[in-house]
Amino acid sequence: MAMGDGSNEKDNSRSTLTIVESECSEQSVSPPINTYPNDRETKKVIIPNGEHVGFNFRKLWAFTGPGFLMSIAYLDPGNIESDLQSGFLLWLLLAASVLGLVVQRLSARLGVVTGFHLAELCYRQYKKVPRILLWLMIEIAIIGSDMQEVIGTAIALYLLSNKAIPLYGGVLITVVDTFTFLLLDKYGLRKLELLFGFLITVMALSFGYEYVIVKPDQGEVLKGMFFPWCEGCDESVLLQAVGIIGAVIMPHNLYLHSALVKSRQIDRKDAQKIREANYYFFIEGAIALFIAFIINVFVVSVFAHGLYEKTNADIYNICVTNNFEFDNIFPNDKEEVKADIYKGGIFLGCQFGAAAMYIWAIGILAAGQSSTMTGCYSGQFAMEGFLNLQWARWKRVLFTRAIAIIPTFLVAFYSKIEDLSGMNDILNTVMSLQLPFAVLPTIAFSMSCFLGLLVIAINMYFGLNFVINKMPQTWYFLLPISLFAIFYILMCSYLVFHAFLSMSDHAFFKKYKVSSKTFCESMSKTDVNVSTLSFFYNDHWAFEKWDQLANSSECKRLLVSEWSDSDDRVSNLNYVPGQSS
């Protein structure tokens, strides 16, 4: 087959590309649902173009917002509870934050590259039954997170009102304040993001104040942050260490972040714009998680200095000496203090006065309120994406909050405050168990298998240890746990199998109903940038997959077998038989 003149080659190239485009267009998809708050009334944030080469602060400011909303999950009451119990494990908190940044980057890239968030991609990829089961597991995680936020808000109101507002009253108040926050939607997207920024600032000032008055040894803080060690640690401390990772990386946050990045107007036909968006979203996410990490360091350091390896009698004597009312929450015995949000506030009051306790409560209140709103958005994104169903936001809030409030209210009404605070440990376990149902779809769509399996292994270890060591070992309890474990393993196995299957080249060609020969031939003939072509197809795979297929030795071998040896195109392929690309 002889190569014709330049014009004929160009025309032939165009016709081949047209064939591929027409074949791929048969696999059409519906447009993404607008799920960002008030999307139906508010235009997306416009990114300034400009001619500035390199880093641009104006562009960074335009992209700033989604990362800070995402970072609030790293500052929710469940995380604060975990910080209180962390002791000197600052290095593990740092490692968990870095791991969280990597996972969140994968989530953000999904939304940027495809224009679909994670739940919408699940709707496109999974069959109906596993998709609904996956949605139910994510809903469990969202409701569990919402319960933590209700607990944190109720305890904060209890402390701020000097016990005038009972715990069950604080639980009921959270219904009203959530709907109040929803009214802020009408004021626009950027104002809503500024509100969340304000709440993060309140947390930073509140917990930073506690850090300043406690005055922990700065050298020890830095040592604990960068030198992995744990003197005299046993299995319980290891379990707590794994729990930190389970509390930091929350499953619903991956769905949230992939949806939040859709609020920026990005030209997905331009590969450079996609890379630019990923670049700035990564910088913004890194800054947001760095701030969240510093706030967590404040909390860990304060209570590592004041409560770590202290007995109840030690804190009891401090409260008695300073004549601070503490409801006998610290018995006069030699057991180590089991810290929680409420005990942390009482300790600060005993040690530094009522002002320290009230400032602590303000920080917890800000954490609970901000997390409430992000949890609401996560729930709406999940429902609209998985089920292709749009609810009014107030209905979505009522659904989630009603389920979260019932068990929390019963515990608050009939039990002690220690039981309410202790629920956070159980809920952190729930978060860990649900994590695979967010991480596995993420790695399937972004191809980071090692990272996903690492996170899943860590959190499954945490969940199994919690069940074995802290739950009753009776048959009527273990039977439903065993049945759930079987379902859990089967569901995770399905997601893993689907992830590896969807990454194969066979699935790639089958999905688009295009032969490997047609694809490879079009890639060799046309000057179209492979990355740009991937955006035309609007596929969930990153454009590296297209490069891998187009330049693979399999493609070149196929074309050599189709063309004659005299064809100039063979030499242009730089193909040597038996040599891999």
Protein backbone atom coordinates (compact mmCIF):
# COMPACT_ATOMS: atom_id res chain seq x y z
CA MET A 1 0.00 0.00 0.00
CA ALA A 2 1.77 3.15 -1.21
CA MET A 3 1.45 6.41 0.60
CA GLY A 4 -0.20 9.16 -1.48
CA ASP A 5 0.53 12.87 -1.54
CA GLY A 6 0.27 15.06 1.52
CA SER A 7 -3.27 16.27 0.85
CA ASN A 8 -4.62 12.78 0.35
CA GLU A 9 -2.91 11.61 3.53
CA LYS A 10 -4.46 14.47 5.46
CA ASP A 11 -7.93 13.72 4.11
CA ASN A 12 -7.50 10.03 4.88
CA SER A 13 -6.42 10.91 8.41
CA ARG A 14 -9.50 13.05 8.95
CA SER A 15 -11.84 10.35 7.65
CA THR A 16 -10.33 7.76 9.95
CA LEU A 17 -10.73 10.04 12.97
CA THR A 18 -14.32 10.68 11.92
CA ILE A 19 -14.98 6.93 11.87
CA VAL A 20 -13.62 6.50 15.39
CA GLU A 21 -15.55 9.52 16.68
CA SER A 22 -18.80 8.30 15.15
CA GLU A 23 -18.35 4.80 16.56
CA CYS A 24 -17.54 6.13 20.01
CA SER A 25 -20.42 8.56 19.97
CA GLU A 26 -22.78 5.59 19.98
CA GLN A 27 -21.81 5.14 23.62
CA SER A 28 -23.35 8.47 24.55
CA VAL A 29 -23.85 9.59 28.11
CA SER A 30 -26.26 11.95 29.73
CA PRO A 31 -24.84 15.27 30.89
CA PRO A 32 -23.68 15.54 34.49
CA ILE A 33 -26.23 16.61 37.06
CA ASN A 34 -25.69 20.02 38.62
CA THR A 35 -25.23 19.06 42.24
CA TYR A 36 -23.20 21.88 43.67
CA PRO A 37 -25.14 24.05 46.16
CA ASN A 38 -27.58 26.32 44.35
CA ASP A 39 -26.17 25.33 40.95
CA ARG A 40 -29.53 25.85 39.33
CA GLU A 41 -29.53 29.53 40.24
CA THR A 42 -25.84 30.37 40.46
CA LYS A 43 -23.32 30.38 37.63
CA LYS A 44 -20.07 28.54 38.06
CA VAL A 45 -17.00 30.45 39.18
CA ILE A 46 -15.21 31.80 36.11
CA ILE A 47 -11.45 31.24 35.97
CA PRO A 48 -9.49 34.30 34.71
CA ASN A 49 -7.59 33.56 31.52
CA GLY A 50 -4.84 36.18 31.33
CA GLU A 51 -1.51 35.85 29.59
CA HIS A 52 0.46 35.28 32.78
CA VAL A 53 2.85 32.33 32.44
CA GLY A 54 3.43 30.17 35.51
CA PHE A 55 1.85 30.48 38.93
CA ASN A 56 -0.91 33.07 39.22
CA PHE A 57 -2.44 34.16 42.55
CA ARG A 58 -5.62 35.38 40.84
CA LYS A 59 -6.20 31.93 39.40
CA LEU A 60 -5.41 30.28 42.74
CA TRP A 61 -8.01 32.50 44.41
CA ALA A 62 -10.58 31.55 41.76
CA PHE A 63 -9.94 27.86 42.42
CA THR A 64 -9.92 28.33 46.22
CA GLY A 65 -12.98 26.96 47.98
CA PRO A 66 -13.57 23.25 47.32
CA GLY A 67 -10.39 22.22 49.14
CA PHE A 68 -11.31 24.12 52.29
CA LEU A 69 -14.82 22.64 52.31
CA MET A 70 -13.24 19.21 51.88
CA SER A 71 -10.78 19.87 54.74
CA ILE A 72 -13.63 20.38 57.22
CA ALA A 73 -14.03 16.59 57.35
CA TYR A 74 -10.51 16.54 58.84
CA LEU A 75 -11.73 18.82 61.65
CA ASP A 76 -15.06 17.26 62.56
CA PRO A 77 -15.88 16.19 66.15
CA GLY A 78 -14.89 12.60 65.35
CA ASN A 79 -11.39 13.74 64.40
CA ILE A 80 -11.14 15.95 67.49
CA GLU A 81 -12.11 12.95 69.64
CA SER A 82 -9.38 10.90 67.95
CA ASP A 83 -6.87 13.72 68.55
CA LEU A 84 -7.67 13.71 72.27
CA GLN A 85 -6.70 10.05 72.49
CA SER A 86 -3.63 10.21 70.24
CA GLY A 87 -1.01 10.95 72.87
CA PHE A 88 2.35 11.55 71.20
CA LEU A 89 1.45 10.00 67.82
CA LEU A 90 1.90 13.25 65.91
CA TRP A 91 4.01 11.51 63.27
CA LEU A 92 1.12 9.20 62.46
CA LEU A 93 -1.24 12.17 62.23
CA LEU A 94 1.17 13.71 59.71
CA ALA A 95 1.35 10.46 57.71
CA ALA A 96 -2.45 10.15 57.70
CA SER A 97 -2.79 13.74 56.49
CA VAL A 98 -0.34 13.14 53.62
CA LEU A 99 -2.17 9.95 52.67
CA GLY A 100 -5.43 11.87 52.82
CA LEU A 101 -4.03 14.54 50.49
CA VAL A 102 -3.07 11.90 47.91
CA VAL A 103 -6.52 10.26 48.03
CA GLN A 104 -8.29 13.63 47.84
CA ARG A 105 -6.16 14.58 44.82
CA LEU A 106 -7.36 11.45 43.02
CA SER A 107 -10.94 12.35 43.88
CA ALA A 108 -10.57 15.94 42.66
CA ARG A 109 -8.97 14.81 39.39
CA LEU A 110 -11.98 12.62 38.66
CA GLY A 111 -14.30 15.60 38.83
CA VAL A 112 -11.98 17.89 36.87
CA VAL A 113 -11.10 15.53 34.01
CA THR A 114 -14.51 13.95 33.46
CA GLY A 115 -17.01 16.59 34.57
CA PHE A 116 -18.73 13.88 36.62
CA HIS A 117 -18.37 13.35 40.35
CA LEU A 118 -17.66 9.95 41.89
CA ALA A 119 -21.29 8.97 42.54
CA GLU A 120 -22.25 9.83 38.94
CA LEU A 121 -19.41 7.69 37.64
CA CYS A 122 -20.61 4.82 39.83
CA TYR A 123 -24.06 5.25 38.28
CA ARG A 124 -22.51 4.82 34.82
CA GLN A 125 -20.23 1.90 35.69
CA TYR A 126 -22.04 -0.44 38.10
CA LYS A 127 -25.12 -2.59 37.63
CA LYS A 128 -28.31 -1.60 39.46
CA VAL A 129 -28.15 -3.98 42.45
CA PRO A 130 -24.48 -3.42 43.43
CA ARG A 131 -24.91 0.29 42.76
CA ILE A 132 -27.83 0.54 45.20
CA LEU A 133 -25.95 -1.52 47.79
CA LEU A 134 -22.95 0.76 47.35
CA TRP A 135 -25.18 3.80 47.84
CA LEU A 136 -26.64 2.30 51.04
CA MET A 137 -23.15 1.73 52.47
CA ILE A 138 -22.17 5.32 51.71
CA GLU A 139 -25.42 6.52 53.30
CA ILE A 140 -24.47 4.60 56.46
CA ALA A 141 -21.14 6.44 56.50
CA ILE A 142 -22.84 9.81 55.97
CA ILE A 143 -25.38 9.16 58.73
CA GLY A 144 -22.60 7.97 61.07
CA SER A 145 -20.66 11.15 60.38
CA ASP A 146 -23.82 13.19 60.97
CA MET A 147 -24.26 11.52 64.35
CA GLN A 148 -20.74 12.62 65.32
CA GLU A 149 -21.59 16.18 64.35
CA VAL A 150 -24.80 16.09 66.40
CA ILE A 151 -22.86 14.76 69.40
CA GLY A 152 -20.19 17.46 69.10
CA THR A 153 -22.75 20.26 68.79
CA ALA A 154 -24.82 18.96 71.74
CA ILE A 155 -21.75 18.75 74.01
CA ALA A 156 -20.59 22.22 72.94
CA LEU A 157 -24.00 23.74 73.76
CA TYR A 158 -24.02 21.88 77.08
CA LEU A 159 -20.67 23.44 78.03
CA LEU A 160 -21.44 26.92 76.70
CA SER A 161 -24.76 27.11 78.55
CA ASN A 162 -23.15 25.93 81.78
CA LYS A 163 -25.38 22.82 81.62
CA ALA A 164 -28.57 24.88 81.20
CA ILE A 165 -29.20 23.22 77.83
CA PRO A 166 -29.44 19.47 78.46
CA LEU A 167 -27.75 17.11 76.06
CA TYR A 168 -31.00 15.94 74.50
CA GLY A 169 -31.98 19.60 74.06
CA GLY A 170 -28.74 20.25 72.19
CA VAL A 171 -29.48 17.26 69.96
CA LEU A 172 -32.89 18.70 69.05
CA ILE A 173 -31.43 22.16 68.40
CA THR A 174 -29.21 20.70 65.67
CA VAL A 175 -32.33 20.13 63.55
CA VAL A 176 -33.14 23.84 63.53
CA ASP A 177 -29.62 25.15 62.96
CA THR A 178 -29.10 22.91 59.92
CA PHE A 179 -32.10 24.38 58.11
CA THR A 180 -30.88 27.86 59.06
CA PHE A 181 -27.59 27.20 57.29
CA LEU A 182 -29.43 26.04 54.17
CA LEU A 183 -30.89 29.54 53.80
CA LEU A 184 -27.36 30.76 53.03
CA ASP A 185 -27.52 29.04 49.63
CA LYS A 186 -29.44 31.99 48.20
CA TYR A 187 -26.54 34.37 48.89
CA GLY A 188 -24.25 32.69 46.37
CA LEU A 189 -21.51 30.14 46.16
CA ARG A 190 -18.53 32.30 47.10
CA LYS A 191 -20.24 33.68 50.20
CA LEU A 192 -20.98 30.15 51.33
CA GLU A 193 -17.32 29.23 50.88
CA LEU A 194 -16.31 32.31 52.89
CA LEU A 195 -18.61 31.18 55.71
CA PHE A 196 -16.82 27.86 55.88
CA GLY A 197 -13.51 29.72 55.86
CA PHE A 198 -14.75 31.76 58.83
CA LEU A 199 -15.67 28.59 60.76
CA ILE A 200 -12.22 27.12 60.10
CA THR A 201 -10.72 30.38 61.40
CA VAL A 202 -12.82 30.10 64.57
CA MET A 203 -11.48 26.57 65.13
CA ALA A 204 -7.90 27.71 64.51
CA LEU A 205 -8.21 30.59 66.99
CA SER A 206 -10.00 28.51 69.64
CA PHE A 207 -7.67 25.52 69.59
CA GLY A 208 -4.65 27.76 69.00
CA TYR A 209 -5.53 29.68 72.18
CA GLU A 210 -5.52 26.42 74.15
CA TYR A 211 -2.13 25.57 72.64
CA VAL A 212 -0.68 28.92 73.71
CA ILE A 213 -1.89 28.74 77.33
CA VAL A 214 -0.80 25.12 77.79
CA LYS A 215 2.69 25.87 76.38
CA PRO A 216 3.80 22.37 75.35
CA ASP A 217 7.50 21.77 74.75
CA GLN A 218 8.08 22.84 71.12
CA GLY A 219 11.04 20.52 70.74
CA GLU A 220 8.95 17.55 71.82
CA VAL A 221 6.18 18.59 69.43
CA LEU A 222 8.59 18.65 66.48
CA LYS A 223 10.18 15.39 67.60
CA GLY A 224 6.79 13.72 67.83
CA MET A 225 5.90 15.02 64.38
CA PHE A 226 8.93 13.85 62.42
CA PHE A 227 10.39 10.91 64.38
CA PRO A 228 8.18 7.80 64.27
CA TRP A 229 8.40 6.29 67.73
CA CYS A 230 6.10 5.12 70.49
CA GLU A 231 7.83 4.14 73.71
CA GLY A 232 6.15 1.31 75.59
CA CYS A 233 3.30 0.98 73.09
CA ASP A 234 1.06 -2.08 73.27
CA GLU A 235 -1.71 -3.40 71.03
CA SER A 236 -4.22 -0.88 72.35
CA VAL A 237 -1.97 1.98 71.26
CA LEU A 238 -1.51 0.34 67.85
CA LEU A 239 -5.28 0.11 67.55
CA GLN A 240 -5.54 3.78 68.43
CA ALA A 241 -2.88 4.57 65.82
CA VAL A 242 -4.84 2.79 63.10
CA GLY A 243 -7.95 4.57 64.35
CA ILE A 244 -6.33 7.91 63.57
CA ILE A 245 -6.14 6.96 59.89
CA GLY A 246 -9.72 5.73 60.00
CA ALA A 247 -10.88 9.03 61.47
CA VAL A 248 -8.89 11.21 59.07
CA ILE A 249 -9.78 9.60 55.71
CA MET A 250 -13.58 9.63 55.62
CA PRO A 251 -15.43 7.77 52.84
CA HIS A 252 -18.06 10.38 52.00
CA ASN A 253 -15.36 13.03 51.65
CA LEU A 254 -14.14 11.48 48.39
CA TYR A 255 -17.62 11.84 46.91
CA LEU A 256 -17.83 15.39 48.24
CA HIS A 257 -14.53 16.62 46.82
CA SER A 258 -15.09 15.18 43.35
CA ALA A 259 -18.39 17.11 43.22
CA LEU A 260 -17.13 20.38 44.68
CA VAL A 261 -14.53 20.87 41.92
CA LYS A 262 -17.38 21.00 39.38
CA SER A 263 -18.22 24.48 40.67
CA ARG A 264 -15.41 25.99 38.54
CA GLN A 265 -15.90 26.67 34.85
CA ILE A 266 -13.24 24.58 33.13
CA ASP A 267 -12.90 24.06 29.38
CA ARG A 268 -12.58 20.27 29.22
CA LYS A 269 -11.83 20.36 25.50
CA ASP A 270 -8.50 22.02 26.29
CA ALA A 271 -5.97 19.63 27.82
CA GLN A 272 -3.91 22.55 29.14
CA LYS A 273 -6.91 23.91 31.05
CA ILE A 274 -7.45 20.49 32.62
CA ARG A 275 -3.83 20.30 33.75
CA GLU A 276 -4.03 23.85 35.07
CA ALA A 277 -7.17 23.06 37.09
CA ASN A 278 -5.59 19.92 38.57
CA TYR A 279 -2.50 21.96 39.46
CA TYR A 280 -4.35 24.71 41.30
CA PHE A 281 -6.81 22.36 42.99
CA PHE A 282 -3.86 20.36 44.30
CA ILE A 283 -2.17 23.49 45.68
CA GLU A 284 -5.42 24.65 47.28
CA GLY A 285 -6.08 21.21 48.76
CA ALA A 286 -2.54 21.01 50.13
CA ILE A 287 -2.89 24.43 51.81
CA ALA A 288 -6.29 23.51 53.27
CA LEU A 289 -5.09 20.18 54.64
CA PHE A 290 -1.94 21.82 56.03
CA ILE A 291 -4.12 24.24 58.00
CA ALA A 292 -6.31 21.34 59.16
CA PHE A 293 -3.17 19.44 60.20
CA ILE A 294 -1.89 22.39 62.25
CA ILE A 295 -5.27 22.68 64.02
CA ASN A 296 -5.16 18.96 64.80
CA VAL A 297 -1.61 19.38 66.10
CA PHE A 298 -2.90 22.05 68.50
CA VAL A 299 -5.44 19.60 69.93
CA VAL A 300 -3.08 16.61 70.10
CA SER A 301 -0.30 18.64 71.73
CA VAL A 302 -2.56 20.26 74.34
CA PHE A 303 -3.93 16.97 75.61
CA ALA A 304 -0.72 14.99 75.18
CA HIS A 305 0.81 17.54 77.55
CA GLY A 306 -2.13 17.65 79.96
CA LEU A 307 -3.80 14.23 79.93
CA TYR A 308 -1.49 11.63 78.38
CA GLU A 309 -0.54 8.94 80.94
CA LYS A 310 -2.29 10.93 83.68
CA THR A 311 -4.63 9.16 86.10
CA ASN A 312 -8.14 10.19 87.04
CA ALA A 313 -6.81 11.06 90.49
CA ASP A 314 -4.29 13.52 88.98
CA ILE A 315 -7.03 15.48 87.21
CA TYR A 316 -9.37 15.10 90.21
CA ASN A 317 -6.81 16.82 92.42
CA ILE A 318 -6.34 19.65 89.92
CA CYS A 319 -10.09 20.30 89.82
CA VAL A 320 -10.40 20.19 93.62
CA THR A 321 -7.37 22.43 94.14
CA ASN A 322 -8.71 25.07 91.73
CA ASN A 323 -12.26 24.71 93.10
CA PHE A 324 -13.75 23.99 89.67
CA GLU A 325 -17.02 22.07 89.40
CA PHE A 326 -16.45 18.90 87.41
CA ASP A 327 -19.47 16.64 88.15
CA ASN A 328 -17.16 13.93 89.49
CA ILE A 329 -16.42 12.98 85.89
CA PHE A 330 -12.86 12.21 87.03
CA PRO A 331 -13.13 9.60 89.83
CA ASN A 332 -10.42 9.60 92.47
CA ASP A 333 -8.72 6.40 91.29
CA LYS A 334 -5.50 5.28 89.63
CA GLU A 335 -6.92 4.42 86.20
CA GLU A 336 -5.59 6.34 83.21
CA VAL A 337 -7.82 9.11 81.91
CA LYS A 338 -9.93 8.11 78.91
CA ALA A 339 -10.19 11.42 77.13
CA ASP A 340 -13.17 12.59 75.12
CA ILE A 341 -14.58 15.93 73.97
CA TYR A 342 -16.45 16.62 77.22
CA LYS A 343 -13.64 15.56 79.55
CA GLY A 344 -11.23 17.65 77.50
CA GLY A 345 -13.31 20.77 78.10
CA ILE A 346 -13.66 20.06 81.84
CA PHE A 347 -9.90 19.49 82.15
CA LEU A 348 -9.15 22.84 80.50
CA GLY A 349 -11.60 24.52 82.88
CA CYS A 350 -9.98 22.89 85.91
CA GLN A 351 -6.46 23.74 84.79
CA PHE A 352 -6.85 27.19 83.22
CA GLY A 353 -10.25 28.51 84.25
CA ALA A 354 -13.74 28.73 82.78
CA ALA A 355 -12.63 30.92 79.85
CA ALA A 356 -10.49 28.08 78.47
CA MET A 357 -13.44 25.69 78.69
CA TYR A 358 -15.79 28.10 76.90
CA ILE A 359 -13.27 28.78 74.13
CA TRP A 360 -12.84 25.04 73.69
CA ALA A 361 -16.62 24.66 73.40
CA ILE A 362 -16.75 27.40 70.75
CA GLY A 363 -14.21 25.49 68.67
CA ILE A 364 -16.18 22.25 69.02
CA LEU A 365 -19.38 24.08 68.05
CA ALA A 366 -17.71 25.47 64.91
CA ALA A 367 -16.46 21.97 64.04
CA GLY A 368 -19.91 20.46 64.46
CA GLN A 369 -21.73 23.16 62.49
CA SER A 370 -19.34 23.22 59.55
CA SER A 371 -19.27 19.42 59.33
CA THR A 372 -23.07 19.36 59.39
CA MET A 373 -23.26 21.36 56.18
CA THR A 374 -20.60 19.39 54.30
CA GLY A 375 -22.32 16.17 55.38
CA CYS A 376 -25.58 17.49 53.96
CA TYR A 377 -23.96 18.21 50.60
CA SER A 378 -22.23 14.80 50.56
CA GLY A 379 -25.58 13.10 51.09
CA GLN A 380 -27.22 15.02 48.29
CA PHE A 381 -24.36 14.34 45.87
CA ALA A 382 -24.51 10.61 46.69
CA MET A 383 -28.28 10.36 46.29
CA GLU A 384 -28.43 12.33 43.05
CA GLY A 385 -25.42 10.54 41.60
CA PHE A 386 -26.15 6.92 42.55
CA LEU A 387 -29.91 7.04 41.97
CA ASN A 388 -30.11 9.81 39.35
CA LEU A 389 -32.67 11.30 41.70
CA GLN A 390 -32.96 14.97 42.64
CA TRP A 391 -34.46 15.95 45.98
CA ALA A 392 -35.06 19.38 47.41
CA ARG A 393 -32.19 20.11 49.79
CA TRP A 394 -34.46 20.48 52.83
CA LYS A 395 -35.89 16.99 52.20
CA ARG A 396 -32.39 15.57 51.98
CA VAL A 397 -31.38 17.25 55.25
CA LEU A 398 -34.54 16.06 56.99
CA PHE A 399 -33.92 12.48 55.82
CA THR A 400 -30.31 12.32 57.04
CA ARG A 401 -30.77 14.28 60.24
CA ALA A 402 -33.90 12.39 61.31
CA ILE A 403 -32.07 9.05 61.07
CA ALA A 404 -29.02 10.46 62.87
CA ILE A 405 -30.96 12.13 65.67
CA ILE A 406 -33.11 9.19 66.81
CA PRO A 407 -30.33 6.98 68.29
CA THR A 408 -28.33 10.02 69.43
CA PHE A 409 -31.35 11.48 71.24
CA LEU A 410 -32.10 8.17 72.98
CA VAL A 411 -28.52 7.87 74.24
CA ALA A 412 -28.48 11.53 75.34
CA PHE A 413 -31.82 11.20 77.15
CA TYR A 414 -31.35 7.87 78.91
CA SER A 415 -27.58 7.60 79.39
CA LYS A 416 -24.70 9.59 80.84
CA ILE A 417 -22.62 12.08 78.93
CA GLU A 418 -19.71 9.63 78.94
CA ASP A 419 -21.84 7.22 76.88
CA LEU A 420 -22.64 9.96 74.37
CA SER A 421 -18.97 10.86 73.96
CA GLY A 422 -18.07 7.17 73.75
CA MET A 423 -20.30 6.76 70.70
CA ASN A 424 -17.60 8.54 68.68
CA ASP A 425 -15.30 5.51 69.00
CA ILE A 426 -17.97 3.24 67.54
CA LEU A 427 -18.75 5.74 64.79
CA ASN A 428 -15.06 6.01 63.84
CA THR A 429 -15.13 2.24 63.38
CA VAL A 430 -18.17 2.61 61.12
CA MET A 431 -16.25 5.17 59.05
CA SER A 432 -13.36 2.73 58.69
CA LEU A 433 -15.58 -0.15 57.62
CA GLN A 434 -17.28 1.96 54.96
CA LEU A 435 -14.03 3.34 53.54
CA PRO A 436 -13.56 0.63 50.86
CA PHE A 437 -16.87 1.64 49.29
CA ALA A 438 -15.38 5.03 48.49
CA VAL A 439 -11.74 4.11 47.89
CA LEU A 440 -12.35 1.15 45.56
CA PRO A 441 -14.45 3.13 43.04
CA THR A 442 -11.88 5.93 43.26
CA ILE A 443 -8.97 3.66 42.40
CA ALA A 444 -11.02 1.99 39.66
CA PHE A 445 -11.49 5.35 37.95
CA SER A 446 -8.05 6.82 38.71
CA MET A 447 -5.85 3.68 38.75
CA SER A 448 -4.05 3.92 42.08
CA CYS A 449 -4.45 0.33 43.24
CA PHE A 450 -1.59 0.19 45.74
CA LEU A 451 -2.79 3.27 47.58
CA GLY A 452 -6.37 2.06 47.75
CA LEU A 453 -5.46 -1.43 48.97
CA LEU A 454 -3.17 0.08 51.62
CA VAL A 455 -5.95 2.26 53.02
CA ILE A 456 -8.46 -0.60 52.93
CA ALA A 457 -6.10 -3.03 54.70
CA ILE A 458 -5.35 -0.54 57.47
CA ASN A 459 -8.97 0.27 58.13
CA MET A 460 -10.23 -3.31 57.92
CA TYR A 461 -7.62 -4.22 60.54
CA PHE A 462 -8.97 -1.45 62.75
CA GLY A 463 -12.57 -2.60 62.31
CA LEU A 464 -11.83 -6.28 62.97
CA ASN A 465 -9.83 -5.51 66.10
CA PHE A 466 -12.63 -3.32 67.41
CA VAL A 467 -15.19 -6.12 66.92
CA ILE A 468 -12.95 -8.79 68.44
CA ASN A 469 -11.68 -6.83 71.43
CA LYS A 470 -14.53 -4.48 72.36
CA MET A 471 -17.76 -6.21 71.36
CA PRO A 472 -19.60 -8.98 73.28
CA GLN A 473 -18.55 -12.48 72.23
CA THR A 474 -22.01 -14.06 72.42
CA TRP A 475 -23.56 -16.09 69.60
CA TYR A 476 -26.59 -13.83 69.17
CA PHE A 477 -24.26 -10.89 68.68
CA LEU A 478 -21.65 -12.66 66.56
CA LEU A 479 -24.22 -14.21 64.18
CA PRO A 480 -25.43 -10.93 62.63
CA ILE A 481 -21.84 -9.65 62.67
CA SER A 482 -20.73 -12.75 60.74
CA LEU A 483 -23.54 -12.37 58.20
CA PHE A 484 -22.61 -8.73 57.70
CA ALA A 485 -18.94 -9.72 57.35
CA ILE A 486 -19.82 -12.18 54.56
CA PHE A 487 -21.82 -9.50 52.74
CA TYR A 488 -19.02 -7.00 53.33
CA ILE A 489 -16.32 -9.28 51.89
CA LEU A 490 -18.47 -10.19 48.87
CA MET A 491 -19.21 -6.53 48.16
CA CYS A 492 -15.55 -5.53 48.44
CA SER A 493 -14.55 -8.49 46.24
CA TYR A 494 -17.03 -7.40 43.58
CA LEU A 495 -15.64 -3.86 43.60
CA VAL A 496 -12.04 -5.11 43.40
CA PHE A 497 -12.91 -7.50 40.54
CA HIS A 498 -14.78 -4.75 38.70
CA ALA A 499 -11.86 -2.35 39.20
CA PHE A 500 -9.27 -4.69 37.67
CA LEU A 501 -11.63 -5.79 34.89
CA SER A 502 -12.44 -2.21 33.91
CA MET A 503 -8.74 -1.41 33.59
CA SER A 504 -8.15 -4.01 30.87
CA ASP A 505 -7.65 -3.04 27.23
CA HIS A 506 -10.44 -5.44 26.21
CA ALA A 507 -12.93 -3.55 28.38
CA PHE A 508 -11.65 -0.30 26.92
CA PHE A 509 -12.43 -1.27 23.32
CA LYS A 510 -15.65 -3.08 24.22
CA LYS A 511 -16.98 -0.05 26.07
CA TYR A 512 -16.61 2.19 23.02
CA LYS A 513 -17.64 -0.40 20.44
CA VAL A 514 -14.51 0.35 18.41
CA SER A 515 -12.04 -2.24 17.13
CA SER A 516 -8.43 -2.14 18.28
CA LYS A 517 -7.34 -1.87 14.64
CA THR A 518 -9.49 1.23 14.00
CA PHE A 519 -8.24 2.89 17.17
CA CYS A 520 -4.57 2.15 16.52
CA GLU A 521 -4.83 3.17 12.86
CA SER A 522 -6.40 6.50 13.72
CA MET A 523 -3.71 7.19 16.32
CA SER A 524 -0.93 6.55 13.80
CA LYS A 525 -2.46 8.66 11.01
CA THR A 526 -3.68 11.77 12.75
CA ASP A 527 -1.85 14.67 14.30
CA VAL A 528 -4.63 15.08 16.89
CA ASN A 529 -3.21 15.23 20.40
CA VAL A 530 -4.09 12.01 22.23
CA SER A 531 -5.03 13.94 25.38
CA THR A 532 -7.45 16.15 23.45
CA LEU A 533 -9.05 13.09 21.86
CA SER A 534 -9.66 11.60 25.30
CA PHE A 535 -11.61 14.67 26.35
CA PHE A 536 -13.77 14.35 23.23
CA TYR A 537 -14.77 10.88 24.37
CA ASN A 538 -15.38 12.28 27.88
CA ASP A 539 -14.29 9.00 29.41
CA HIS A 540 -13.60 8.46 33.09
CA TRP A 541 -10.13 7.08 32.40
CA ALA A 542 -7.22 9.48 32.69
CA PHE A 543 -5.66 10.47 29.40
CA GLU A 544 -2.52 8.48 30.25
CA LYS A 545 -4.54 5.37 29.31
CA TRP A 546 -4.95 6.68 25.78
CA ASP A 547 -1.22 7.34 25.49
CA GLN A 548 -0.48 3.84 26.75
CA LEU A 549 -2.78 2.20 24.18
CA ALA A 550 -1.86 4.40 21.23
CA ASN A 551 1.90 3.94 21.72
CA SER A 552 1.89 0.31 22.83
CA SER A 553 3.82 -2.38 21.00
CA GLU A 554 0.49 -4.19 20.49
CA CYS A 555 -0.84 -1.28 18.44
CA LYS A 556 2.34 -1.07 16.39
CA ARG A 557 2.44 -4.82 15.81
CA LEU A 558 -1.18 -4.75 14.60
CA LEU A 559 -0.50 -1.96 12.12
CA VAL A 560 2.69 -3.59 10.77
CA SER A 561 0.69 -6.74 10.04
CA GLU A 562 -1.92 -4.69 8.13
CA TRP A 563 0.47 -2.54 6.09
CA SER A 564 3.00 -3.70 3.50
CA ASP A 565 6.71 -3.55 4.24
CA SER A 566 7.12 -0.89 1.53
CA ASP A 567 4.69 1.44 3.26
CA ASP A 568 6.47 4.53 4.60
CA ARG A 569 4.16 4.49 7.62
CA VAL A 570 5.94 1.39 8.98
CA SER A 571 9.22 3.26 9.38
CA ASN A 572 7.40 6.16 11.03
CA LEU A 573 6.18 3.83 13.78
CA ASN A 574 9.75 3.15 14.97
CA TYR A 575 8.65 -0.42 15.59
CA VAL A 576 11.11 -3.28 16.04
CA PRO A 577 9.47 -6.74 16.12
CA GLY A 578 9.82 -8.39 19.52
CA GLN A 579 10.66 -5.12 21.26
CA SER A 580 8.18 -3.71 23.76
CA SER A 581 7.44 -0.03 23.89
